[in-house]
Protein backbone atom coordinates (compact mmCIF):
# COMPACT_ATOMS: atom_id res chain seq x y z
CA UNK A 1 0.00 0.00 0.00
CA UNK A 2 1.40 3.36 -1.07
CA UNK A 3 1.48 6.06 1.64
CA UNK A 4 0.74 9.58 0.40
CA UNK A 5 1.47 12.49 2.73
CA UNK A 6 -0.46 15.68 2.00
CA UNK A 7 -1.33 18.96 3.66
CA UNK A 8 -4.64 20.81 3.51
CA UNK A 9 -5.37 24.50 4.06
CA UNK A 10 -8.44 25.56 6.01
CA UNK A 11 -8.48 29.10 4.63
CA UNK A 12 -10.56 31.61 6.59
CA UNK A 13 -11.82 34.96 5.39
CA UNK A 14 -14.74 37.07 6.64
CA UNK A 15 -16.04 34.30 8.89
CA UNK A 16 -16.15 31.71 6.11
CA UNK A 17 -13.99 28.77 4.99
CA UNK A 18 -12.77 28.08 1.45
CA UNK A 19 -13.98 24.75 0.04
CA UNK A 20 -12.68 23.48 -3.32
CA UNK A 21 -14.32 20.99 -5.68
CA UNK A 22 -11.99 18.60 -7.48
CA UNK A 23 -12.18 18.75 -11.27
CA UNK A 24 -13.37 15.89 -13.47
CA UNK A 25 -9.78 15.17 -14.56
CA UNK A 26 -8.62 14.51 -10.97
CA UNK A 27 -8.98 11.35 -8.90
CA UNK A 28 -11.96 11.67 -6.56
CA UNK A 29 -13.48 13.96 -9.18
CA UNK A 30 -16.23 16.36 -8.15
CA UNK A 31 -15.73 15.72 -4.43
CA UNK A 32 -14.98 18.68 -2.17
CA UNK A 33 -11.77 19.17 -0.22
CA UNK A 34 -9.64 21.65 1.60
CA UNK A 35 -7.05 22.67 -1.01
CA UNK A 36 -3.41 21.70 -0.64
CA UNK A 37 -1.18 18.95 -1.91
CA UNK A 38 1.89 16.81 -1.51
CA UNK A 39 4.85 17.83 0.60
CA UNK A 40 8.09 18.06 -1.40
CA UNK A 41 11.45 16.93 -0.01
CA UNK A 42 12.85 19.41 2.49
CA UNK A 43 9.61 21.39 2.87
CA UNK A 44 7.82 22.06 6.12
CA UNK A 45 4.07 21.60 6.12
CA UNK A 46 3.65 25.38 6.18
CA UNK A 47 6.00 25.90 3.19
CA UNK A 48 4.19 23.18 1.23
CA UNK A 49 0.81 24.77 1.90
CA UNK A 50 1.93 28.26 0.91
CA UNK A 51 3.43 26.89 -2.33
CA UNK A 52 0.47 24.67 -3.21
CA UNK A 53 -2.14 27.37 -2.54
CA UNK A 54 -0.16 29.88 -4.61
CA UNK A 55 0.15 27.35 -7.50
CA UNK A 56 -3.44 26.05 -7.38
CA UNK A 57 -5.43 29.14 -6.47
CA UNK A 58 -3.08 32.18 -6.77
CA UNK A 59 -3.70 33.07 -3.13
CA UNK A 60 -1.27 34.29 -0.49
CA UNK A 61 -2.01 32.78 2.91
CA UNK A 62 -0.70 32.86 6.46
CA UNK A 63 -0.43 29.32 7.84
CA UNK A 64 -0.80 28.53 11.54
CA UNK A 65 2.18 26.90 13.22
CA UNK A 66 -0.19 24.56 15.01
CA UNK A 67 -1.67 21.46 13.40
CA UNK A 68 -5.50 21.63 13.35
CA UNK A 69 -6.26 17.96 12.68
CA UNK A 70 -4.81 14.85 11.06
CA UNK A 71 -6.81 12.27 9.15
CA UNK A 72 -5.97 9.07 7.37
CA UNK A 73 -8.00 7.31 4.71
CA UNK A 74 -7.27 4.28 2.53
CA UNK A 75 -8.38 4.70 -1.07
CA UNK A 76 -7.85 2.17 -3.88
CA UNK A 77 -4.79 4.17 -5.05
CA UNK A 78 -3.11 4.42 -1.63
CA UNK A 79 -3.34 5.53 1.98
CA UNK A 80 -3.67 9.31 2.29
CA UNK A 81 -2.25 10.94 5.43
CA UNK A 82 -3.77 14.44 5.60
CA UNK A 83 -2.48 17.14 7.95
CA UNK A 84 -4.60 20.30 8.03
CA UNK A 85 -3.81 23.79 9.26
CA UNK A 86 -5.93 26.86 9.87
CA UNK A 87 -4.90 29.59 7.44
CA UNK A 88 -5.77 33.22 6.93
CA UNK A 89 -6.22 34.73 3.48
CA UNK A 90 -3.70 37.55 3.06
CA UNK A 91 -4.52 38.53 -0.51
CA UNK A 92 -5.76 37.27 -3.84
CA UNK A 93 -8.92 36.14 -5.57
CA UNK A 94 -9.08 32.37 -6.15
CA UNK A 95 -8.21 31.18 -9.66
CA UNK A 96 -9.40 27.73 -10.71
CA UNK A 97 -6.46 25.84 -12.22
CA UNK A 98 -6.98 22.43 -10.63
CA UNK A 99 -10.47 22.76 -9.17
CA UNK A 100 -13.75 23.22 -10.98
CA UNK A 101 -15.45 25.29 -8.29
CA UNK A 102 -14.97 26.94 -4.91
CA UNK A 103 -17.39 28.00 -2.22
CA UNK A 104 -16.95 30.11 0.89
CA UNK A 105 -19.08 28.54 3.63
CA UNK A 106 -19.62 28.98 7.35
CA UNK A 107 -18.56 25.93 9.37
CA UNK A 108 -22.20 25.00 10.08
CA UNK A 109 -22.84 24.80 6.30
CA UNK A 110 -19.97 22.44 5.45
CA UNK A 111 -22.00 19.22 5.39
CA UNK A 112 -24.08 20.59 2.51
CA UNK A 113 -21.18 19.44 0.26
CA UNK A 114 -20.05 15.92 -0.74
CA UNK A 115 -16.55 15.73 0.75
CA UNK A 116 -13.60 13.48 -0.08
CA UNK A 117 -13.50 10.81 2.66
CA UNK A 118 -10.14 11.96 4.08
CA UNK A 119 -11.57 15.47 4.65
CA UNK A 120 -14.70 14.36 6.56
CA UNK A 121 -13.04 14.15 10.04
CA UNK A 122 -11.71 17.69 9.51
CA UNK A 123 -15.19 18.93 8.50
CA UNK A 124 -16.70 17.29 11.59
CA UNK A 125 -14.15 18.95 13.91
CA UNK A 126 -14.66 22.36 12.23
CA UNK A 127 -18.42 22.07 12.71
CA UNK A 128 -18.10 20.90 16.33
CA UNK A 129 -15.72 23.72 17.23
CA UNK A 130 -17.53 26.25 14.99
CA UNK A 131 -14.25 27.52 13.57
C-alpha atoms as a PDB file:
ATOM      1  CA  UNK A   1       0.000   0.000   0.000  1.00  0.00           C
ATOM      2  CA  UNK A   2       1.403   3.356  -1.068  1.00  0.00           C
ATOM      3  CA  UNK A   3       1.481   6.059   1.644  1.00  0.00           C
ATOM      4  CA  UNK A   4       0.741   9.579   0.396  1.00  0.00           C
ATOM      5  CA  UNK A   5       1.473  12.494   2.731  1.00  0.00           C
ATOM      6  CA  UNK A   6      -0.463  15.679   2.004  1.00  0.00           C
ATOM      7  CA  UNK A   7      -1.328  18.963   3.661  1.00  0.00           C
ATOM      8  CA  UNK A   8      -4.635  20.808   3.512  1.00  0.00           C
ATOM      9  CA  UNK A   9      -5.370  24.499   4.055  1.00  0.00           C
ATOM     10  CA  UNK A  10      -8.437  25.558   6.006  1.00  0.00           C
ATOM     11  CA  UNK A  11      -8.477  29.102   4.626  1.00  0.00           C
ATOM     12  CA  UNK A  12     -10.556  31.605   6.589  1.00  0.00           C
ATOM     13  CA  UNK A  13     -11.824  34.960   5.387  1.00  0.00           C
ATOM     14  CA  UNK A  14     -14.742  37.073   6.643  1.00  0.00           C
ATOM     15  CA  UNK A  15     -16.040  34.301   8.895  1.00  0.00           C
ATOM     16  CA  UNK A  16     -16.151  31.708   6.113  1.00  0.00           C
ATOM     17  CA  UNK A  17     -13.992  28.773   4.992  1.00  0.00           C
ATOM     18  CA  UNK A  18     -12.773  28.077   1.452  1.00  0.00           C
ATOM     19  CA  UNK A  19     -13.981  24.749   0.037  1.00  0.00           C
ATOM     20  CA  UNK A  20     -12.679  23.483  -3.316  1.00  0.00           C
ATOM     21  CA  UNK A  21     -14.321  20.992  -5.682  1.00  0.00           C
ATOM     22  CA  UNK A  22     -11.986  18.603  -7.475  1.00  0.00           C
ATOM     23  CA  UNK A  23     -12.178  18.746 -11.271  1.00  0.00           C
ATOM     24  CA  UNK A  24     -13.368  15.893 -13.468  1.00  0.00           C
ATOM     25  CA  UNK A  25      -9.778  15.165 -14.555  1.00  0.00           C
ATOM     26  CA  UNK A  26      -8.619  14.514 -10.968  1.00  0.00           C
ATOM     27  CA  UNK A  27      -8.979  11.353  -8.898  1.00  0.00           C
ATOM     28  CA  UNK A  28     -11.963  11.667  -6.557  1.00  0.00           C
ATOM     29  CA  UNK A  29     -13.481  13.958  -9.182  1.00  0.00           C
ATOM     30  CA  UNK A  30     -16.226  16.356  -8.153  1.00  0.00           C
ATOM     31  CA  UNK A  31     -15.731  15.717  -4.427  1.00  0.00           C
ATOM     32  CA  UNK A  32     -14.982  18.679  -2.174  1.00  0.00           C
ATOM     33  CA  UNK A  33     -11.771  19.170  -0.222  1.00  0.00           C
ATOM     34  CA  UNK A  34      -9.641  21.653   1.599  1.00  0.00           C
ATOM     35  CA  UNK A  35      -7.048  22.666  -1.010  1.00  0.00           C
ATOM     36  CA  UNK A  36      -3.414  21.700  -0.639  1.00  0.00           C
ATOM     37  CA  UNK A  37      -1.176  18.951  -1.910  1.00  0.00           C
ATOM     38  CA  UNK A  38       1.890  16.810  -1.513  1.00  0.00           C
ATOM     39  CA  UNK A  39       4.851  17.827   0.600  1.00  0.00           C
ATOM     40  CA  UNK A  40       8.089  18.063  -1.396  1.00  0.00           C
ATOM     41  CA  UNK A  41      11.451  16.931  -0.007  1.00  0.00           C
ATOM     42  CA  UNK A  42      12.855  19.415   2.486  1.00  0.00           C
ATOM     43  CA  UNK A  43       9.612  21.386   2.873  1.00  0.00           C
ATOM     44  CA  UNK A  44       7.824  22.065   6.122  1.00  0.00           C
ATOM     45  CA  UNK A  45       4.065  21.599   6.125  1.00  0.00           C
ATOM     46  CA  UNK A  46       3.647  25.380   6.177  1.00  0.00           C
ATOM     47  CA  UNK A  47       5.996  25.897   3.193  1.00  0.00           C
ATOM     48  CA  UNK A  48       4.194  23.178   1.230  1.00  0.00           C
ATOM     49  CA  UNK A  49       0.810  24.769   1.904  1.00  0.00           C
ATOM     50  CA  UNK A  50       1.931  28.263   0.914  1.00  0.00           C
ATOM     51  CA  UNK A  51       3.427  26.892  -2.332  1.00  0.00           C
ATOM     52  CA  UNK A  52       0.469  24.669  -3.211  1.00  0.00           C
ATOM     53  CA  UNK A  53      -2.139  27.367  -2.544  1.00  0.00           C
ATOM     54  CA  UNK A  54      -0.163  29.875  -4.609  1.00  0.00           C
ATOM     55  CA  UNK A  55       0.151  27.352  -7.498  1.00  0.00           C
ATOM     56  CA  UNK A  56      -3.439  26.050  -7.381  1.00  0.00           C
ATOM     57  CA  UNK A  57      -5.429  29.144  -6.472  1.00  0.00           C
ATOM     58  CA  UNK A  58      -3.079  32.179  -6.765  1.00  0.00           C
ATOM     59  CA  UNK A  59      -3.699  33.074  -3.129  1.00  0.00           C
ATOM     60  CA  UNK A  60      -1.267  34.288  -0.486  1.00  0.00           C
ATOM     61  CA  UNK A  61      -2.013  32.780   2.909  1.00  0.00           C
ATOM     62  CA  UNK A  62      -0.701  32.864   6.461  1.00  0.00           C
ATOM     63  CA  UNK A  63      -0.431  29.317   7.841  1.00  0.00           C
ATOM     64  CA  UNK A  64      -0.799  28.531  11.536  1.00  0.00           C
ATOM     65  CA  UNK A  65       2.182  26.899  13.219  1.00  0.00           C
ATOM     66  CA  UNK A  66      -0.193  24.562  15.010  1.00  0.00           C
ATOM     67  CA  UNK A  67      -1.670  21.461  13.398  1.00  0.00           C
ATOM     68  CA  UNK A  68      -5.503  21.627  13.352  1.00  0.00           C
ATOM     69  CA  UNK A  69      -6.261  17.960  12.676  1.00  0.00           C
ATOM     70  CA  UNK A  70      -4.812  14.850  11.062  1.00  0.00           C
ATOM     71  CA  UNK A  71      -6.815  12.273   9.148  1.00  0.00           C
ATOM     72  CA  UNK A  72      -5.966   9.068   7.367  1.00  0.00           C
ATOM     73  CA  UNK A  73      -8.003   7.310   4.709  1.00  0.00           C
ATOM     74  CA  UNK A  74      -7.267   4.281   2.531  1.00  0.00           C
ATOM     75  CA  UNK A  75      -8.377   4.698  -1.070  1.00  0.00           C
ATOM     76  CA  UNK A  76      -7.853   2.165  -3.876  1.00  0.00           C
ATOM     77  CA  UNK A  77      -4.792   4.170  -5.052  1.00  0.00           C
ATOM     78  CA  UNK A  78      -3.106   4.417  -1.625  1.00  0.00           C
ATOM     79  CA  UNK A  79      -3.341   5.534   1.983  1.00  0.00           C
ATOM     80  CA  UNK A  80      -3.670   9.308   2.292  1.00  0.00           C
ATOM     81  CA  UNK A  81      -2.251  10.944   5.430  1.00  0.00           C
ATOM     82  CA  UNK A  82      -3.771  14.438   5.600  1.00  0.00           C
ATOM     83  CA  UNK A  83      -2.482  17.138   7.950  1.00  0.00           C
ATOM     84  CA  UNK A  84      -4.605  20.298   8.034  1.00  0.00           C
ATOM     85  CA  UNK A  85      -3.806  23.795   9.257  1.00  0.00           C
ATOM     86  CA  UNK A  86      -5.925  26.864   9.866  1.00  0.00           C
ATOM     87  CA  UNK A  87      -4.897  29.594   7.438  1.00  0.00           C
ATOM     88  CA  UNK A  88      -5.774  33.220   6.926  1.00  0.00           C
ATOM     89  CA  UNK A  89      -6.219  34.726   3.477  1.00  0.00           C
ATOM     90  CA  UNK A  90      -3.703  37.554   3.060  1.00  0.00           C
ATOM     91  CA  UNK A  91      -4.520  38.530  -0.508  1.00  0.00           C
ATOM     92  CA  UNK A  92      -5.765  37.272  -3.838  1.00  0.00           C
ATOM     93  CA  UNK A  93      -8.924  36.138  -5.569  1.00  0.00           C
ATOM     94  CA  UNK A  94      -9.081  32.368  -6.150  1.00  0.00           C
ATOM     95  CA  UNK A  95      -8.211  31.177  -9.660  1.00  0.00           C
ATOM     96  CA  UNK A  96      -9.400  27.733 -10.706  1.00  0.00           C
ATOM     97  CA  UNK A  97      -6.462  25.837 -12.217  1.00  0.00           C
ATOM     98  CA  UNK A  98      -6.978  22.432 -10.625  1.00  0.00           C
ATOM     99  CA  UNK A  99     -10.466  22.764  -9.171  1.00  0.00           C
ATOM    100  CA  UNK A 100     -13.753  23.219 -10.983  1.00  0.00           C
ATOM    101  CA  UNK A 101     -15.453  25.294  -8.292  1.00  0.00           C
ATOM    102  CA  UNK A 102     -14.967  26.936  -4.910  1.00  0.00           C
ATOM    103  CA  UNK A 103     -17.387  27.995  -2.224  1.00  0.00           C
ATOM    104  CA  UNK A 104     -16.953  30.105   0.890  1.00  0.00           C
ATOM    105  CA  UNK A 105     -19.084  28.539   3.633  1.00  0.00           C
ATOM    106  CA  UNK A 106     -19.616  28.984   7.353  1.00  0.00           C
ATOM    107  CA  UNK A 107     -18.556  25.932   9.375  1.00  0.00           C
ATOM    108  CA  UNK A 108     -22.198  24.997  10.081  1.00  0.00           C
ATOM    109  CA  UNK A 109     -22.844  24.803   6.301  1.00  0.00           C
ATOM    110  CA  UNK A 110     -19.968  22.437   5.451  1.00  0.00           C
ATOM    111  CA  UNK A 111     -22.004  19.219   5.388  1.00  0.00           C
ATOM    112  CA  UNK A 112     -24.075  20.591   2.508  1.00  0.00           C
ATOM    113  CA  UNK A 113     -21.184  19.439   0.258  1.00  0.00           C
ATOM    114  CA  UNK A 114     -20.055  15.925  -0.742  1.00  0.00           C
ATOM    115  CA  UNK A 115     -16.550  15.726   0.755  1.00  0.00           C
ATOM    116  CA  UNK A 116     -13.604  13.478  -0.085  1.00  0.00           C
ATOM    117  CA  UNK A 117     -13.502  10.809   2.663  1.00  0.00           C
ATOM    118  CA  UNK A 118     -10.139  11.962   4.079  1.00  0.00           C
ATOM    119  CA  UNK A 119     -11.573  15.466   4.653  1.00  0.00           C
ATOM    120  CA  UNK A 120     -14.695  14.358   6.561  1.00  0.00           C
ATOM    121  CA  UNK A 121     -13.039  14.152  10.040  1.00  0.00           C
ATOM    122  CA  UNK A 122     -11.713  17.689   9.506  1.00  0.00           C
ATOM    123  CA  UNK A 123     -15.190  18.934   8.495  1.00  0.00           C
ATOM    124  CA  UNK A 124     -16.698  17.295  11.592  1.00  0.00           C
ATOM    125  CA  UNK A 125     -14.153  18.951  13.908  1.00  0.00           C
ATOM    126  CA  UNK A 126     -14.659  22.357  12.234  1.00  0.00           C
ATOM    127  CA  UNK A 127     -18.419  22.070  12.709  1.00  0.00           C
ATOM    128  CA  UNK A 128     -18.098  20.898  16.331  1.00  0.00           C
ATOM    129  CA  UNK A 129     -15.716  23.719  17.232  1.00  0.00           C
ATOM    130  CA  UNK A 130     -17.528  26.246  14.993  1.00  0.00           C
ATOM    131  CA  UNK A 131     -14.252  27.522  13.565  1.00  0.00           C
END
